[in-house]
Amino acid sequence: MSRKKLYITLSLSLFLVLYIWFYIWILASVKDTLKTIYLHPDQDAQIEGKYVEPELKNKFFRQGIYPSSSNDKIKFSLSTGKALHFFFIGKVWITYKYEGIDISSNESKYGSHAPITLTVKYSKGVWKIIDKYERP
């Protein structure tokens, strides 16, 4: 009987380790993709299709005027995030904050702060964003 308990314990431990590893991998991948989307619009061609569905790119709120002048600096941050997954598909809940700050007055001039829900799937070795919902 103890051998059976050992196999069950080892199996559950292995499952838990794999689940946590996938959790971390999904969050890291999604954060990298979001940073590229919000901070590097010039790299859209590189991520479109591979890391994000082409029709979703326009669902991400971003303005081409960031920063709006040379007196602005950008402050961008992502929350830690949470993920629920079934190893090859999952949901990610994360909050992003994007601000344009006037360098001379150190005041926020514009920005966005919103929780978003992303659906991701494993495709060709990467985690691809296939759906997005952003609370207004």
C-alpha atoms as a PDB file:
ATOM      1  CA  MET A   1       0.000   0.000   0.000  1.00  0.00           C
ATOM      2  CA  SER A   2       2.840   2.418   0.749  1.00  0.00           C
ATOM      3  CA  ARG A   3       4.241   1.977  -2.775  1.00  0.00           C
ATOM      4  CA  LYS A   4       0.878   3.064  -4.216  1.00  0.00           C
ATOM      5  CA  LYS A   5       0.873   6.165  -1.990  1.00  0.00           C
ATOM      6  CA  LEU A   6       4.407   6.946  -3.105  1.00  0.00           C
ATOM      7  CA  TYR A   7       3.407   6.780  -6.797  1.00  0.00           C
ATOM      8  CA  ILE A   8       0.368   8.957  -6.168  1.00  0.00           C
ATOM      9  CA  THR A   9       2.447  11.500  -4.232  1.00  0.00           C
ATOM     10  CA  LEU A  10       5.137  11.568  -6.915  1.00  0.00           C
ATOM     11  CA  SER A  11       2.547  11.894  -9.678  1.00  0.00           C
ATOM     12  CA  LEU A  12       0.788  14.768  -7.933  1.00  0.00           C
ATOM     13  CA  SER A  13       4.106  16.473  -7.213  1.00  0.00           C
ATOM     14  CA  LEU A  14       5.176  16.167 -10.844  1.00  0.00           C
ATOM     15  CA  PHE A  15       1.816  17.517 -12.020  1.00  0.00           C
ATOM     16  CA  LEU A  16       2.098  20.468  -9.619  1.00  0.00           C
ATOM     17  CA  VAL A  17       5.649  21.289 -10.733  1.00  0.00           C
ATOM     18  CA  LEU A  18       4.624  21.137 -14.404  1.00  0.00           C
ATOM     19  CA  TYR A  19       1.551  23.286 -13.760  1.00  0.00           C
ATOM     20  CA  ILE A  20       3.611  25.961 -11.986  1.00  0.00           C
ATOM     21  CA  TRP A  21       6.275  25.862 -14.711  1.00  0.00           C
ATOM     22  CA  PHE A  22       3.627  26.397 -17.421  1.00  0.00           C
ATOM     23  CA  TYR A  23       2.040  29.167 -15.284  1.00  0.00           C
ATOM     24  CA  ILE A  24       5.336  31.056 -15.105  1.00  0.00           C
ATOM     25  CA  TRP A  25       6.094  30.461 -18.794  1.00  0.00           C
ATOM     26  CA  ILE A  26       2.676  31.736 -19.908  1.00  0.00           C
ATOM     27  CA  LEU A  27       2.885  34.888 -17.762  1.00  0.00           C
ATOM     28  CA  ALA A  28       6.433  35.690 -18.901  1.00  0.00           C
ATOM     29  CA  SER A  29       5.517  35.196 -22.557  1.00  0.00           C
ATOM     30  CA  VAL A  30       2.357  37.307 -22.322  1.00  0.00           C
ATOM     31  CA  LYS A  31       4.206  40.104 -20.510  1.00  0.00           C
ATOM     32  CA  ASP A  32       6.896  40.191 -23.203  1.00  0.00           C
ATOM     33  CA  THR A  33       4.240  40.340 -25.917  1.00  0.00           C
ATOM     34  CA  LEU A  34       2.341  43.138 -24.129  1.00  0.00           C
ATOM     35  CA  LYS A  35       5.522  45.173 -23.667  1.00  0.00           C
ATOM     36  CA  THR A  36       6.213  44.863 -27.385  1.00  0.00           C
ATOM     37  CA  ILE A  37       2.645  45.840 -28.298  1.00  0.00           C
ATOM     38  CA  TYR A  38       2.522  48.916 -26.055  1.00  0.00           C
ATOM     39  CA  LEU A  39       6.123  50.131 -26.159  1.00  0.00           C
ATOM     40  CA  HIS A  40       7.405  49.093 -29.589  1.00  0.00           C
ATOM     41  CA  PRO A  41       4.743  49.597 -32.271  1.00  0.00           C
ATOM     42  CA  ASP A  42       7.528  49.483 -34.863  1.00  0.00           C
ATOM     43  CA  GLN A  43       7.846  45.730 -34.175  1.00  0.00           C
ATOM     44  CA  ASP A  44       4.212  44.912 -35.005  1.00  0.00           C
ATOM     45  CA  ALA A  45       5.152  42.959 -38.114  1.00  0.00           C
ATOM     46  CA  GLN A  46       7.369  40.652 -36.055  1.00  0.00           C
ATOM     47  CA  ILE A  47       4.703  39.719 -33.488  1.00  0.00           C
ATOM     48  CA  GLU A  48       1.583  39.768 -35.665  1.00  0.00           C
ATOM     49  CA  GLY A  49       0.454  36.269 -36.472  1.00  0.00           C
ATOM     50  CA  LYS A  50       3.089  34.594 -34.317  1.00  0.00           C
ATOM     51  CA  TYR A  51       2.395  36.072 -30.858  1.00  0.00           C
ATOM     52  CA  VAL A  52      -0.965  37.754 -31.391  1.00  0.00           C
ATOM     53  CA  GLU A  53      -3.829  37.214 -33.816  1.00  0.00           C
ATOM     54  CA  PRO A  54      -3.680  39.931 -36.520  1.00  0.00           C
ATOM     55  CA  GLU A  55      -7.265  41.093 -35.944  1.00  0.00           C
ATOM     56  CA  LEU A  56      -6.592  41.557 -32.202  1.00  0.00           C
ATOM     57  CA  LYS A  57      -3.777  44.033 -32.625  1.00  0.00           C
ATOM     58  CA  ASN A  58      -6.262  46.878 -33.106  1.00  0.00           C
ATOM     59  CA  LYS A  59      -8.057  45.935 -29.869  1.00  0.00           C
ATOM     60  CA  PHE A  60      -5.059  47.082 -27.836  1.00  0.00           C
ATOM     61  CA  PHE A  61      -5.467  50.716 -26.835  1.00  0.00           C
ATOM     62  CA  ARG A  62      -2.404  52.612 -27.872  1.00  0.00           C
ATOM     63  CA  GLN A  63      -1.801  55.893 -29.522  1.00  0.00           C
ATOM     64  CA  GLY A  64       0.809  56.534 -32.141  1.00  0.00           C
ATOM     65  CA  ILE A  65       1.602  59.843 -30.464  1.00  0.00           C
ATOM     66  CA  TYR A  66       3.245  58.323 -27.352  1.00  0.00           C
ATOM     67  CA  PRO A  67       5.290  60.182 -26.301  1.00  0.00           C
ATOM     68  CA  SER A  68       3.438  63.239 -27.541  1.00  0.00           C
ATOM     69  CA  SER A  69       6.449  65.536 -27.291  1.00  0.00           C
ATOM     70  CA  SER A  70      10.126  65.509 -26.414  1.00  0.00           C
ATOM     71  CA  ASN A  71       9.143  66.808 -22.964  1.00  0.00           C
ATOM     72  CA  ASP A  72       7.330  63.560 -22.189  1.00  0.00           C
ATOM     73  CA  LYS A  73       8.590  60.330 -20.783  1.00  0.00           C
ATOM     74  CA  ILE A  74       6.719  57.050 -20.717  1.00  0.00           C
ATOM     75  CA  LYS A  75       5.942  55.110 -17.577  1.00  0.00           C
ATOM     76  CA  PHE A  76       4.703  51.599 -18.314  1.00  0.00           C
ATOM     77  CA  SER A  77       4.033  48.821 -15.838  1.00  0.00           C
ATOM     78  CA  LEU A  78       2.300  45.464 -15.717  1.00  0.00           C
ATOM     79  CA  SER A  79       0.852  43.785 -12.668  1.00  0.00           C
ATOM     80  CA  THR A  80       2.112  40.376 -11.592  1.00  0.00           C
ATOM     81  CA  GLY A  81      -0.842  38.765 -13.329  1.00  0.00           C
ATOM     82  CA  LYS A  82      -2.663  35.498 -12.850  1.00  0.00           C
ATOM     83  CA  ALA A  83      -3.094  32.577 -15.203  1.00  0.00           C
ATOM     84  CA  LEU A  84      -5.397  29.605 -15.366  1.00  0.00           C
ATOM     85  CA  HIS A  85      -4.399  27.045 -17.947  1.00  0.00           C
ATOM     86  CA  PHE A  86      -4.986  23.580 -19.271  1.00  0.00           C
ATOM     87  CA  PHE A  87      -1.394  23.259 -20.559  1.00  0.00           C
ATOM     88  CA  PHE A  88      -2.152  24.204 -24.192  1.00  0.00           C
ATOM     89  CA  ILE A  89      -4.776  26.917 -23.716  1.00  0.00           C
ATOM     90  CA  GLY A  90      -5.335  29.378 -20.912  1.00  0.00           C
ATOM     91  CA  LYS A  91      -6.618  32.687 -19.573  1.00  0.00           C
ATOM     92  CA  VAL A  92      -4.439  35.475 -18.229  1.00  0.00           C
ATOM     93  CA  TRP A  93      -5.664  38.340 -16.058  1.00  0.00           C
ATOM     94  CA  ILE A  94      -3.276  41.256 -15.913  1.00  0.00           C
ATOM     95  CA  THR A  95      -3.443  45.016 -15.354  1.00  0.00           C
ATOM     96  CA  TYR A  96      -1.369  47.472 -17.317  1.00  0.00           C
ATOM     97  CA  LYS A  97      -0.645  51.110 -16.630  1.00  0.00           C
ATOM     98  CA  TYR A  98       0.629  53.411 -19.355  1.00  0.00           C
ATOM     99  CA  GLU A  99       1.336  57.079 -18.644  1.00  0.00           C
ATOM    100  CA  GLY A 100       2.850  59.970 -20.502  1.00  0.00           C
ATOM    101  CA  ILE A 101       4.610  62.164 -17.950  1.00  0.00           C
ATOM    102  CA  ASP A 102       5.702  65.744 -18.590  1.00  0.00           C
ATOM    103  CA  ILE A 103       9.398  65.922 -17.671  1.00  0.00           C
ATOM    104  CA  SER A 104       9.312  69.571 -16.579  1.00  0.00           C
ATOM    105  CA  SER A 105       6.317  69.309 -14.239  1.00  0.00           C
ATOM    106  CA  ASN A 106       6.521  65.543 -13.511  1.00  0.00           C
ATOM    107  CA  GLU A 107       2.743  65.353 -13.978  1.00  0.00           C
ATOM    108  CA  SER A 108       0.810  62.698 -15.810  1.00  0.00           C
ATOM    109  CA  LYS A 109      -0.616  64.156 -19.034  1.00  0.00           C
ATOM    110  CA  TYR A 110      -2.352  61.112 -20.520  1.00  0.00           C
ATOM    111  CA  GLY A 111      -2.476  57.389 -20.145  1.00  0.00           C
ATOM    112  CA  SER A 112      -4.405  54.251 -19.591  1.00  0.00           C
ATOM    113  CA  HIS A 113      -4.849  51.971 -16.591  1.00  0.00           C
ATOM    114  CA  ALA A 114      -6.966  48.926 -17.175  1.00  0.00           C
ATOM    115  CA  PRO A 115      -7.345  45.284 -16.261  1.00  0.00           C
ATOM    116  CA  ILE A 116      -7.336  43.012 -19.287  1.00  0.00           C
ATOM    117  CA  THR A 117      -8.257  39.380 -19.787  1.00  0.00           C
ATOM    118  CA  LEU A 118      -6.389  37.482 -22.463  1.00  0.00           C
ATOM    119  CA  THR A 119      -7.025  34.052 -23.901  1.00  0.00           C
ATOM    120  CA  VAL A 120      -3.830  32.359 -25.018  1.00  0.00           C
ATOM    121  CA  LYS A 121      -2.997  29.130 -26.763  1.00  0.00           C
ATOM    122  CA  TYR A 122       0.210  27.269 -27.394  1.00  0.00           C
ATOM    123  CA  SER A 123       1.014  27.403 -31.083  1.00  0.00           C
ATOM    124  CA  LYS A 124       4.264  26.507 -32.855  1.00  0.00           C
ATOM    125  CA  GLY A 125       6.427  26.806 -29.753  1.00  0.00           C
ATOM    126  CA  VAL A 126       5.043  30.127 -28.465  1.00  0.00           C
ATOM    127  CA  TRP A 127       2.069  31.408 -26.487  1.00  0.00           C
ATOM    128  CA  LYS A 128      -0.220  33.290 -28.843  1.00  0.00           C
ATOM    129  CA  ILE A 129      -2.882  35.784 -27.722  1.00  0.00           C
ATOM    130  CA  ILE A 130      -6.106  34.713 -29.435  1.00  0.00           C
ATOM    131  CA  ASP A 131      -8.655  36.897 -27.613  1.00  0.00           C
ATOM    132  CA  LYS A 132      -8.655  40.049 -25.497  1.00  0.00           C
ATOM    133  CA  TYR A 133     -11.141  41.765 -23.251  1.00  0.00           C
ATOM    134  CA  GLU A 134     -10.362  45.095 -21.620  1.00  0.00           C
ATOM    135  CA  ARG A 135     -12.646  46.636 -19.067  1.00  0.00           C
ATOM    136  CA  PRO A 136     -13.392  50.247 -19.943  1.00  0.00           C
END
